[in-house]
Amino acid sequence: MFRHLVDYEDKAFWEANPYFYIYTPDGQELKYHIYSMGQVVDTSDTYLTEFNSQEEYQNFLNMTKEVSLYDTGVEVTTGDTIVTLSTCTSASDEHRFVVRGVRVWEDSAQ
């Protein structure tokens, strides 16, 4: 479904396409600024969703930026909403390519 996510290996592609959008069934349009991308192992901490403290969550966010293929300059904090998109790669059955975005905009079509 997301096989073209690997296009983000090329920084020029990110520069031309720094956002992705999610359209919900109830008419919302959510805009996300891509802040991190790269290959991970399917058992990595990149898939964590629960944290015991704000500090632990900030450490997670810092890790997602540190493992990015390149620095996008996009900031992300514990007060932000993030989404991780993930797809298989040809590297191995255990590897995934992930693109992470921070929500920057929401529009309700009502």
PDB file of N, CA and C in Angstrom:
ATOM      1  N   MET A   1       0.818  -1.200   0.000  1.00  0.00           N
ATOM      2  CA  MET A   1       0.000   0.000   0.000  1.00  0.00           C
ATOM      3  C   MET A   1       0.861   1.263   0.000  1.00  0.00           C
ATOM      4  N   PHE A   2       1.956   1.245   0.746  1.00  0.00           N
ATOM      5  CA  PHE A   2       2.805   2.434   0.867  1.00  0.00           C
ATOM      6  C   PHE A   2       4.161   2.237   0.188  1.00  0.00           C
ATOM      7  N   ARG A   3       4.247   1.433  -0.850  1.00  0.00           N
ATOM      8  CA  ARG A   3       5.546   1.087  -1.426  1.00  0.00           C
ATOM      9  C   ARG A   3       6.334   2.297  -1.921  1.00  0.00           C
ATOM     10  N   HIS A   4       5.650   3.395  -2.231  1.00  0.00           N
ATOM     11  CA  HIS A   4       6.362   4.582  -2.704  1.00  0.00           C
ATOM     12  C   HIS A   4       6.984   5.403  -1.568  1.00  0.00           C
ATOM     13  N   LEU A   5       6.776   4.988  -0.328  1.00  0.00           N
ATOM     14  CA  LEU A   5       7.417   5.684   0.783  1.00  0.00           C
ATOM     15  C   LEU A   5       8.935   5.682   0.631  1.00  0.00           C
ATOM     16  N   VAL A   6       9.479   4.643   0.033  1.00  0.00           N
ATOM     17  CA  VAL A   6      10.935   4.560  -0.128  1.00  0.00           C
ATOM     18  C   VAL A   6      11.474   5.676  -1.026  1.00  0.00           C
ATOM     19  N   ASP A   7      10.605   6.375  -1.747  1.00  0.00           N
ATOM     20  CA  ASP A   7      11.052   7.538  -2.531  1.00  0.00           C
ATOM     21  C   ASP A   7      11.672   8.590  -1.618  1.00  0.00           C
ATOM     22  N   TYR A   8      11.304   8.558  -0.324  1.00  0.00           N
ATOM     23  CA  TYR A   8      11.840   9.526   0.630  1.00  0.00           C
ATOM     24  C   TYR A   8      13.294   9.254   1.008  1.00  0.00           C
ATOM     25  N   GLU A   9      13.892   8.207   0.472  1.00  0.00           N
ATOM     26  CA  GLU A   9      15.333   8.010   0.645  1.00  0.00           C
ATOM     27  C   GLU A   9      16.099   9.161  -0.011  1.00  0.00           C
ATOM     28  N   ASP A  10      15.507   9.745  -1.018  1.00  0.00           N
ATOM     29  CA  ASP A  10      16.105  10.854  -1.760  1.00  0.00           C
ATOM     30  C   ASP A  10      15.646  12.180  -1.130  1.00  0.00           C
ATOM     31  N   LYS A  11      16.578  12.922  -0.570  1.00  0.00           N
ATOM     32  CA  LYS A  11      16.214  14.182   0.100  1.00  0.00           C
ATOM     33  C   LYS A  11      15.515  15.151  -0.849  1.00  0.00           C
ATOM     34  N   ALA A  12      15.888  15.139  -2.117  1.00  0.00           N
ATOM     35  CA  ALA A  12      15.226  16.015  -3.086  1.00  0.00           C
ATOM     36  C   ALA A  12      13.742  15.685  -3.201  1.00  0.00           C
ATOM     37  N   PHE A  13      13.389  14.401  -3.051  1.00  0.00           N
ATOM     38  CA  PHE A  13      11.984  14.016  -3.086  1.00  0.00           C
ATOM     39  C   PHE A  13      11.260  14.598  -1.879  1.00  0.00           C
ATOM     40  N   TRP A  14      11.885  14.514  -0.687  1.00  0.00           N
ATOM     41  CA  TRP A  14      11.272  15.113   0.505  1.00  0.00           C
ATOM     42  C   TRP A  14      11.121  16.621   0.335  1.00  0.00           C
ATOM     43  N   GLU A  15      12.132  17.279  -0.210  1.00  0.00           N
ATOM     44  CA  GLU A  15      12.053  18.728  -0.389  1.00  0.00           C
ATOM     45  C   GLU A  15      10.877  19.114  -1.287  1.00  0.00           C
ATOM     46  N   ALA A  16      10.566  18.274  -2.281  1.00  0.00           N
ATOM     47  CA  ALA A  16       9.436  18.530  -3.170  1.00  0.00           C
ATOM     48  C   ALA A  16       8.108  18.055  -2.585  1.00  0.00           C
ATOM     49  N   ASN A  17       8.161  17.157  -1.599  1.00  0.00           N
ATOM     50  CA  ASN A  17       6.953  16.543  -1.025  1.00  0.00           C
ATOM     51  C   ASN A  17       7.086  16.421   0.500  1.00  0.00           C
ATOM     52  N   PRO A  18       7.155  17.547   1.212  1.00  0.00           N
ATOM     53  CA  PRO A  18       7.417  17.480   2.651  1.00  0.00           C
ATOM     54  C   PRO A  18       6.194  17.175   3.516  1.00  0.00           C
ATOM     55  N   TYR A  19       5.028  17.014   2.920  1.00  0.00           N
ATOM     56  CA  TYR A  19       3.800  16.794   3.676  1.00  0.00           C
ATOM     57  C   TYR A  19       3.057  15.570   3.162  1.00  0.00           C
ATOM     58  N   PHE A  20       2.261  14.961   4.050  1.00  0.00           N
ATOM     59  CA  PHE A  20       1.256  14.002   3.608  1.00  0.00           C
ATOM     60  C   PHE A  20      -0.051  14.358   4.303  1.00  0.00           C
ATOM     61  N   TYR A  21      -1.136  13.873   3.742  1.00  0.00           N
ATOM     62  CA  TYR A  21      -2.472  14.200   4.229  1.00  0.00           C
ATOM     63  C   TYR A  21      -3.232  12.926   4.552  1.00  0.00           C
ATOM     64  N   ILE A  22      -4.054  12.998   5.583  1.00  0.00           N
ATOM     65  CA  ILE A  22      -4.957  11.911   5.923  1.00  0.00           C
ATOM     66  C   ILE A  22      -6.367  12.477   5.869  1.00  0.00           C
ATOM     67  N   TYR A  23      -7.230  11.785   5.142  1.00  0.00           N
ATOM     68  CA  TYR A  23      -8.629  12.172   5.008  1.00  0.00           C
ATOM     69  C   TYR A  23      -9.476  11.146   5.749  1.00  0.00           C
ATOM     70  N   THR A  24     -10.223  11.613   6.731  1.00  0.00           N
ATOM     71  CA  THR A  24     -10.997  10.700   7.563  1.00  0.00           C
ATOM     72  C   THR A  24     -12.420  10.539   7.014  1.00  0.00           C
ATOM     73  N   PRO A  25     -13.084   9.454   7.384  1.00  0.00           N
ATOM     74  CA  PRO A  25     -14.455   9.221   6.905  1.00  0.00           C
ATOM     75  C   PRO A  25     -15.444  10.325   7.310  1.00  0.00           C
ATOM     76  N   ASP A  26     -15.154  11.033   8.411  1.00  0.00           N
ATOM     77  CA  ASP A  26     -16.077  12.084   8.849  1.00  0.00           C
ATOM     78  C   ASP A  26     -15.763  13.448   8.226  1.00  0.00           C
ATOM     79  N   GLY A  27     -14.902  13.470   7.214  1.00  0.00           N
ATOM     80  CA  GLY A  27     -14.655  14.698   6.458  1.00  0.00           C
ATOM     81  C   GLY A  27     -13.480  15.531   6.921  1.00  0.00           C
ATOM     82  N   GLN A  28     -12.706  15.056   7.868  1.00  0.00           N
ATOM     83  CA  GLN A  28     -11.540  15.815   8.310  1.00  0.00           C
ATOM     84  C   GLN A  28     -10.373  15.618   7.348  1.00  0.00           C
ATOM     85  N   GLU A  29      -9.594  16.674   7.194  1.00  0.00           N
ATOM     86  CA  GLU A  29      -8.351  16.617   6.437  1.00  0.00           C
ATOM     87  C   GLU A  29      -7.226  16.968   7.415  1.00  0.00           C
ATOM     88  N   LEU A  30      -6.295  16.043   7.582  1.00  0.00           N
ATOM     89  CA  LEU A  30      -5.195  16.237   8.522  1.00  0.00           C
ATOM     90  C   LEU A  30      -3.895  16.344   7.728  1.00  0.00           C
ATOM     91  N   LYS A  31      -3.130  17.388   7.992  1.00  0.00           N
ATOM     92  CA  LYS A  31      -1.874  17.624   7.280  1.00  0.00           C
ATOM     93  C   LYS A  31      -0.708  17.322   8.212  1.00  0.00           C
ATOM     94  N   TYR A  32       0.255  16.532   7.720  1.00  0.00           N
ATOM     95  CA  TYR A  32       1.422  16.133   8.499  1.00  0.00           C
ATOM     96  C   TYR A  32       2.700  16.560   7.799  1.00  0.00           C
ATOM     97  N   HIS A  33       3.601  17.176   8.562  1.00  0.00           N
ATOM     98  CA  HIS A  33       4.921  17.574   8.057  1.00  0.00           C
ATOM     99  C   HIS A  33       5.885  16.422   8.349  1.00  0.00           C
ATOM    100  N   ILE A  34       6.497  15.893   7.326  1.00  0.00           N
ATOM    101  CA  ILE A  34       7.396  14.754   7.492  1.00  0.00           C
ATOM    102  C   ILE A  34       8.669  15.220   8.189  1.00  0.00           C
ATOM    103  N   TYR A  35       8.978  14.572   9.299  1.00  0.00           N
ATOM    104  CA  TYR A  35      10.159  14.957  10.077  1.00  0.00           C
ATOM    105  C   TYR A  35      11.237  13.888  10.136  1.00  0.00           C
ATOM    106  N   SER A  36      10.920  12.663   9.740  1.00  0.00           N
ATOM    107  CA  SER A  36      11.892  11.583   9.857  1.00  0.00           C
ATOM    108  C   SER A  36      11.537  10.469   8.887  1.00  0.00           C
ATOM    109  N   MET A  37      12.564   9.807   8.364  1.00  0.00           N
ATOM    110  CA  MET A  37      12.351   8.673   7.483  1.00  0.00           C
ATOM    111  C   MET A  37      13.580   7.780   7.487  1.00  0.00           C
ATOM    112  N   GLY A  38      13.363   6.492   7.247  1.00  0.00           N
ATOM    113  CA  GLY A  38      14.496   5.583   7.186  1.00  0.00           C
ATOM    114  C   GLY A  38      14.083   4.140   7.354  1.00  0.00           C
ATOM    115  N   GLN A  39      15.045   3.276   7.216  1.00  0.00           N
ATOM    116  CA  GLN A  39      14.812   1.841   7.336  1.00  0.00           C
ATOM    117  C   GLN A  39      14.988   1.394   8.780  1.00  0.00           C
ATOM    118  N   VAL A  40      14.086   0.531   9.237  1.00  0.00           N
ATOM    119  CA  VAL A  40      14.136   0.003  10.595  1.00  0.00           C
ATOM    120  C   VAL A  40      13.874  -1.501  10.563  1.00  0.00           C
ATOM    121  N   VAL A  41      14.201  -2.153  11.664  1.00  0.00           N
ATOM    122  CA  VAL A  41      13.847  -3.556  11.841  1.00  0.00           C
ATOM    123  C   VAL A  41      12.433  -3.596  12.418  1.00  0.00           C
ATOM    124  N   ASP A  42      11.641  -4.560  12.000  1.00  0.00           N
ATOM    125  CA  ASP A  42      10.231  -4.585  12.396  1.00  0.00           C
ATOM    126  C   ASP A  42      10.003  -4.741  13.900  1.00  0.00           C
ATOM    127  N   THR A  43      11.013  -5.095  14.650  1.00  0.00           N
ATOM    128  CA  THR A  43      10.884  -5.204  16.107  1.00  0.00           C
ATOM    129  C   THR A  43      11.480  -3.997  16.831  1.00  0.00           C
ATOM    130  N   SER A  44      11.823  -2.958  16.102  1.00  0.00           N
ATOM    131  CA  SER A  44      12.491  -1.806  16.712  1.00  0.00           C
ATOM    132  C   SER A  44      11.528  -0.968  17.555  1.00  0.00           C
ATOM    133  N   ASP A  45      12.101  -0.093  18.355  1.00  0.00           N
ATOM    134  CA  ASP A  45      11.309   0.800  19.216  1.00  0.00           C
ATOM    135  C   ASP A  45      10.511   1.820  18.418  1.00  0.00           C
ATOM    136  N   THR A  46      10.728   1.908  17.137  1.00  0.00           N
ATOM    137  CA  THR A  46      10.003   2.885  16.324  1.00  0.00           C
ATOM    138  C   THR A  46       8.500   2.653  16.359  1.00  0.00           C
ATOM    139  N   TYR A  47       8.085   1.440  16.741  1.00  0.00           N
ATOM    140  CA  TYR A  47       6.664   1.110  16.771  1.00  0.00           C
ATOM    141  C   TYR A  47       6.038   1.226  18.163  1.00  0.00           C
ATOM    142  N   LEU A  48       6.778   1.748  19.129  1.00  0.00           N
ATOM    143  CA  LEU A  48       6.211   1.945  20.471  1.00  0.00           C
ATOM    144  C   LEU A  48       5.053   2.939  20.410  1.00  0.00           C
ATOM    145  N   THR A  49       4.039   2.704  21.222  1.00  0.00           N
ATOM    146  CA  THR A  49       2.884   3.613  21.256  1.00  0.00           C
ATOM    147  C   THR A  49       2.494   4.034  22.669  1.00  0.00           C
ATOM    148  N   GLU A  50       3.095   3.425  23.666  1.00  0.00           N
ATOM    149  CA  GLU A  50       2.762   3.778  25.053  1.00  0.00           C
ATOM    150  C   GLU A  50       4.041   4.140  25.806  1.00  0.00           C
ATOM    151  N   PHE A  51       3.944   5.204  26.613  1.00  0.00           N
ATOM    152  CA  PHE A  51       5.104   5.713  27.335  1.00  0.00           C
ATOM    153  C   PHE A  51       4.693   6.019  28.772  1.00  0.00           C
ATOM    154  N   ASN A  52       5.627   5.810  29.698  1.00  0.00           N
ATOM    155  CA  ASN A  52       5.333   5.993  31.119  1.00  0.00           C
ATOM    156  C   ASN A  52       5.454   7.430  31.593  1.00  0.00           C
ATOM    157  N   SER A  53       6.086   8.290  30.775  1.00  0.00           N
ATOM    158  CA  SER A  53       6.260   9.682  31.180  1.00  0.00           C
ATOM    159  C   SER A  53       6.484  10.548  29.939  1.00  0.00           C
ATOM    160  N   GLN A  54       6.341  11.845  30.133  1.00  0.00           N
ATOM    161  CA  GLN A  54       6.622  12.786  29.049  1.00  0.00           C
ATOM    162  C   GLN A  54       8.090  12.699  28.636  1.00  0.00           C
ATOM    163  N   GLU A  55       8.966  12.499  29.614  1.00  0.00           N
ATOM    164  CA  GLU A  55      10.395  12.381  29.321  1.00  0.00           C
ATOM    165  C   GLU A  55      10.673  11.147  28.447  1.00  0.00           C
ATOM    166  N   GLU A  56      10.030  10.040  28.768  1.00  0.00           N
ATOM    167  CA  GLU A  56      10.210   8.819  27.972  1.00  0.00           C
ATOM    168  C   GLU A  56       9.698   9.031  26.549  1.00  0.00           C
ATOM    169  N   TYR A  57       8.568   9.723  26.424  1.00  0.00           N
ATOM    170  CA  TYR A  57       8.023  10.010  25.096  1.00  0.00           C
ATOM    171  C   TYR A  57       8.952  10.948  24.322  1.00  0.00           C
ATOM    172  N   GLN A  58       9.499  11.976  24.997  1.00  0.00           N
ATOM    173  CA  GLN A  58      10.421  12.890  24.312  1.00  0.00           C
ATOM    174  C   GLN A  58      11.676  12.150  23.867  1.00  0.00           C
ATOM    175  N   ASN A  59      12.161  11.224  24.684  1.00  0.00           N
ATOM    176  CA  ASN A  59      13.314  10.411  24.292  1.00  0.00           C
ATOM    177  C   ASN A  59      12.998   9.594  23.037  1.00  0.00           C
ATOM    178  N   PHE A  60      11.792   9.057  22.975  1.00  0.00           N
ATOM    179  CA  PHE A  60      11.351   8.325  21.789  1.00  0.00           C
ATOM    180  C   PHE A  60      11.353   9.240  20.563  1.00  0.00           C
ATOM    181  N   LEU A  61      10.772  10.436  20.704  1.00  0.00           N
ATOM    182  CA  LEU A  61      10.732  11.382  19.583  1.00  0.00           C
ATOM    183  C   LEU A  61      12.140  11.758  19.136  1.00  0.00           C
ATOM    184  N   ASN A  62      13.030  11.984  20.097  1.00  0.00           N
ATOM    185  CA  ASN A  62      14.426  12.297  19.766  1.00  0.00           C
ATOM    186  C   ASN A  62      15.065  11.143  18.988  1.00  0.00           C
ATOM    187  N   MET A  63      14.795   9.916  19.417  1.00  0.00           N
ATOM    188  CA  MET A  63      15.337   8.750  18.726  1.00  0.00           C
ATOM    189  C   MET A  63      14.839   8.695  17.281  1.00  0.00           C
ATOM    190  N   THR A  64      13.557   8.989  17.065  1.00  0.00           N
ATOM    191  CA  THR A  64      13.025   8.926  15.706  1.00  0.00           C
ATOM    192  C   THR A  64      13.681   9.961  14.806  1.00  0.00           C
ATOM    193  N   LYS A  65      14.065  11.090  15.376  1.00  0.00           N
ATOM    194  CA  LYS A  65      14.789  12.092  14.586  1.00  0.00           C
ATOM    195  C   LYS A  65      16.238  11.672  14.342  1.00  0.00           C
ATOM    196  N   GLU A  66      16.862  11.102  15.347  1.00  0.00           N
ATOM    197  CA  GLU A  66      18.272  10.704  15.236  1.00  0.00           C
ATOM    198  C   GLU A  66      18.495   9.606  14.203  1.00  0.00           C
ATOM    199  N   VAL A  67      17.525   8.705  14.041  1.00  0.00           N
ATOM    200  CA  VAL A  67      17.691   7.603  13.084  1.00  0.00           C
ATOM    201  C   VAL A  67      17.231   7.979  11.672  1.00  0.00           C
ATOM    202  N   SER A  68      16.770   9.197  11.497  1.00  0.00           N
ATOM    203  CA  SER A  68      16.334   9.645  10.179  1.00  0.00           C
ATOM    204  C   SER A  68      17.506   9.660   9.201  1.00  0.00           C
ATOM    205  N   LEU A  69      17.215   9.380   7.944  1.00  0.00           N
ATOM    206  CA  LEU A  69      18.267   9.392   6.917  1.00  0.00           C
ATOM    207  C   LEU A  69      18.932  10.752   6.788  1.00  0.00           C
ATOM    208  N   TYR A  70      18.167  11.809   7.040  1.00  0.00           N
ATOM    209  CA  TYR A  70      18.714  13.165   6.970  1.00  0.00           C
ATOM    210  C   TYR A  70      17.889  14.069   7.881  1.00  0.00           C
ATOM    211  N   ASP A  71      18.495  15.194   8.221  1.00  0.00           N
ATOM    212  CA  ASP A  71      17.853  16.159   9.115  1.00  0.00           C
ATOM    213  C   ASP A  71      16.890  17.020   8.312  1.00  0.00           C
ATOM    214  N   THR A  72      15.615  16.962   8.657  1.00  0.00           N
ATOM    215  CA  THR A  72      14.614  17.768   7.954  1.00  0.00           C
ATOM    216  C   THR A  72      14.456  19.147   8.580  1.00  0.00           C
ATOM    217  N   GLY A  73      14.953  19.312   9.803  1.00  0.00           N
ATOM    218  CA  GLY A  73      14.785  20.585  10.497  1.00  0.00           C
ATOM    219  C   GLY A  73      13.403  20.761  11.107  1.00  0.00           C
ATOM    220  N   VAL A  74      12.533  19.772  10.964  1.00  0.00           N
ATOM    221  CA  VAL A  74      11.183  19.836  11.516  1.00  0.00           C
ATOM    222  C   VAL A  74      11.243  19.436  12.985  1.00  0.00           C
ATOM    223  N   GLU A  75      10.687  20.284  13.848  1.00  0.00           N
ATOM    224  CA  GLU A  75      10.685  20.014  15.287  1.00  0.00           C
ATOM    225  C   GLU A  75       9.450  19.204  15.674  1.00  0.00           C
ATOM    226  N   VAL A  76       9.607  18.375  16.687  1.00  0.00           N
ATOM    227  CA  VAL A  76       8.496  17.587  17.210  1.00  0.00           C
ATOM    228  C   VAL A  76       8.647  17.486  18.724  1.00  0.00           C
ATOM    229  N   THR A  77       7.531  17.699  19.443  1.00  0.00           N
ATOM    230  CA  THR A  77       7.550  17.671  20.904  1.00  0.00           C
ATOM    231  C   THR A  77       6.435  16.756  21.411  1.00  0.00           C
ATOM    232  N   THR A  78       6.429  16.540  22.707  1.00  0.00           N
ATOM    233  CA  THR A  78       5.434  15.655  23.310  1.00  0.00           C
ATOM    234  C   THR A  78       4.011  16.190  23.180  1.00  0.00           C
ATOM    235  N   GLY A  79       3.860  17.459  22.904  1.00  0.00           N
ATOM    236  CA  GLY A  79       2.530  18.029  22.717  1.00  0.00           C
ATOM    237  C   GLY A  79       1.984  17.832  21.316  1.00  0.00           C
ATOM    238  N   ASP A  80       2.799  17.293  20.426  1.00  0.00           N
ATOM    239  CA  ASP A  80       2.400  17.103  19.036  1.00  0.00           C
ATOM    240  C   ASP A  80       1.749  15.749  18.809  1.00  0.00           C
ATOM    241  N   THR A  81       1.000  15.653  17.730  1.00  0.00           N
ATOM    242  CA  THR A  81       0.441  14.388  17.274  1.00  0.00           C
ATOM    243  C   THR A  81       1.278  13.908  16.102  1.00  0.00           C
ATOM    244  N   ILE A  82       1.747  12.666  16.184  1.00  0.00           N
ATOM    245  CA  ILE A  82       2.564  12.122  15.105  1.00  0.00           C
ATOM    246  C   ILE A  82       1.895  10.889  14.507  1.00  0.00           C
ATOM    247  N   VAL A  83       2.295  10.580  13.275  1.00  0.00           N
ATOM    248  CA  VAL A  83       1.859   9.371  12.585  1.00  0.00           C
ATOM    249  C   VAL A  83       3.087   8.728  11.971  1.00  0.00           C
ATOM    250  N   THR A  84       3.157   7.404  12.051  1.00  0.00           N
ATOM    251  CA  THR A  84       4.225   6.648  11.399  1.00  0.00           C
ATOM    252  C   THR A  84       3.605   5.804  10.292  1.00  0.00           C
ATOM    253  N   LEU A  85       4.081   6.011   9.068  1.00  0.00           N
ATOM    254  CA  LEU A  85       3.687   5.184   7.929  1.00  0.00           C
ATOM    255  C   LEU A  85       4.806   4.178   7.717  1.00  0.00           C
ATOM    256  N   SER A  86       4.456   2.941   7.424  1.00  0.00           N
ATOM    257  CA  SER A  86       5.451   1.882   7.342  1.00  0.00           C
ATOM    258  C   SER A  86       5.156   0.969   6.164  1.00  0.00           C
ATOM    259  N   THR A  87       6.207   0.550   5.471  1.00  0.00           N
ATOM    260  CA  THR A  87       6.050  -0.381   4.362  1.00  0.00           C
ATOM    261  C   THR A  87       7.202  -1.366   4.330  1.00  0.00           C
ATOM    262  N   CYS A  88       6.989  -2.487   3.687  1.00  0.00           N
ATOM    263  CA  CYS A  88       8.033  -3.503   3.543  1.00  0.00           C
ATOM    264  C   CYS A  88       9.137  -2.987   2.618  1.00  0.00           C
ATOM    265  N   THR A  89      10.302  -3.585   2.739  1.00  0.00           N
ATOM    266  CA  THR A  89      11.411  -3.249   1.846  1.00  0.00           C
ATOM    267  C   THR A  89      11.939  -4.533   1.224  1.00  0.00           C
ATOM    268  N   SER A  90      12.803  -4.365   0.247  1.00  0.00           N
ATOM    269  CA  SER A  90      13.420  -5.535  -0.381  1.00  0.00           C
ATOM    270  C   SER A  90      14.660  -5.988   0.389  1.00  0.00           C
ATOM    271  N   ALA A  91      15.038  -5.253   1.434  1.00  0.00           N
ATOM    272  CA  ALA A  91      16.243  -5.579   2.201  1.00  0.00           C
ATOM    273  C   ALA A  91      16.128  -6.951   2.870  1.00  0.00           C
ATOM    274  N   SER A  92      14.982  -7.197   3.513  1.00  0.00           N
ATOM    275  CA  SER A  92      14.721  -8.494   4.154  1.00  0.00           C
ATOM    276  C   SER A  92      13.290  -8.492   4.660  1.00  0.00           C
ATOM    277  N   ASP A  93      12.830  -9.657   5.077  1.00  0.00           N
ATOM    278  CA  ASP A  93      11.472  -9.754   5.618  1.00  0.00           C
ATOM    279  C   ASP A  93      11.313  -8.989   6.923  1.00  0.00           C
ATOM    280  N   GLU A  94      12.417  -8.749   7.636  1.00  0.00           N
ATOM    281  CA  GLU A  94      12.358  -8.075   8.928  1.00  0.00           C
ATOM    282  C   GLU A  94      12.509  -6.557   8.840  1.00  0.00           C
ATOM    283  N   HIS A  95      12.853  -6.022   7.685  1.00  0.00           N
ATOM    284  CA  HIS A  95      13.078  -4.583   7.554  1.00  0.00           C
ATOM    285  C   HIS A  95      11.852  -3.867   7.002  1.00  0.00           C
ATOM    286  N   ARG A  96      11.669  -2.642   7.480  1.00  0.00           N
ATOM    287  CA  ARG A  96      10.586  -1.771   7.024  1.00  0.00           C
ATOM    288  C   ARG A  96      11.171  -0.394   6.724  1.00  0.00           C
ATOM    289  N   PHE A  97      10.516   0.323   5.831  1.00  0.00           N
ATOM    290  CA  PHE A  97      10.863   1.718   5.606  1.00  0.00           C
ATOM    291  C   PHE A  97       9.742   2.539   6.219  1.00  0.00           C
ATOM    292  N   VAL A  98      10.105   3.468   7.100  1.00  0.00           N
ATOM    293  CA  VAL A  98       9.103   4.275   7.796  1.00  0.00           C
ATOM    294  C   VAL A  98       9.265   5.744   7.465  1.00  0.00           C
ATOM    295  N   VAL A  99       8.135   6.419   7.429  1.00  0.00           N
ATOM    296  CA  VAL A  99       8.073   7.878   7.267  1.00  0.00           C
ATOM    297  C   VAL A  99       7.223   8.378   8.415  1.00  0.00           C
ATOM    298  N   ARG A 100       7.749   9.352   9.153  1.00  0.00           N
ATOM    299  CA  ARG A 100       7.036   9.889  10.316  1.00  0.00           C
ATOM    300  C   ARG A 100       6.675  11.344  10.078  1.00  0.00           C
ATOM    301  N   GLY A 101       5.448  11.699  10.435  1.00  0.00           N
ATOM    302  CA  GLY A 101       5.003  13.074  10.264  1.00  0.00           C
ATOM    303  C   GLY A 101       4.401  13.621  11.538  1.00  0.00           C
ATOM    304  N   VAL A 102       4.500  14.929  11.698  1.00  0.00           N
ATOM    305  CA  VAL A 102       3.902  15.626  12.831  1.00  0.00           C
ATOM    306  C   VAL A 102       2.740  16.466  12.294  1.00  0.00           C
ATOM    307  N   ARG A 103       1.594  16.353  12.974  1.00  0.00           N
ATOM    308  CA  ARG A 103       0.407  17.076  12.493  1.00  0.00           C
ATOM    309  C   ARG A 103       0.605  18.579  12.646  1.00  0.00           C
ATOM    310  N   VAL A 104       0.320  19.279  11.549  1.00  0.00           N
ATOM    311  CA  VAL A 104       0.473  20.729  11.546  1.00  0.00           C
ATOM    312  C   VAL A 104      -0.830  21.454  11.231  1.00  0.00           C
ATOM    313  N   TRP A 105      -1.838  20.676  10.816  1.00  0.00           N
ATOM    314  CA  TRP A 105      -3.072  21.341  10.398  1.00  0.00           C
ATOM    315  C   TRP A 105      -4.218  20.356  10.382  1.00  0.00           C
ATOM    316  N   GLU A 106      -5.394  20.856  10.732  1.00  0.00           N
ATOM    317  CA  GLU A 106      -6.613  20.047  10.705  1.00  0.00           C
ATOM    318  C   GLU A 106      -7.742  20.903  10.181  1.00  0.00           C
ATOM    319  N   ASP A 107      -8.494  20.348   9.243  1.00  0.00           N
ATOM    320  CA  ASP A 107      -9.639  21.057   8.686  1.00  0.00           C
ATOM    321  C   ASP A 107     -10.854  20.155   8.787  1.00  0.00           C
ATOM    322  N   SER A 108     -11.905  20.665   9.376  1.00  0.00           N
ATOM    323  CA  SER A 108     -13.146  19.904   9.475  1.00  0.00           C
ATOM    324  C   SER A 108     -14.117  20.412   8.426  1.00  0.00           C
ATOM    325  N   ALA A 109     -14.495  19.542   7.514  1.00  0.00           N
ATOM    326  CA  ALA A 109     -15.452  19.905   6.473  1.00  0.00           C
ATOM    327  C   ALA A 109     -16.855  19.583   6.987  1.00  0.00           C
ATOM    328  N   GLN A 110     -17.509  20.586   7.566  1.00  0.00           N
ATOM    329  CA  GLN A 110     -18.852  20.343   8.122  1.00  0.00           C
ATOM    330  C   GLN A 110     -19.805  21.416   7.718  1.00  0.00           C
TER     331      GLN A 110
END
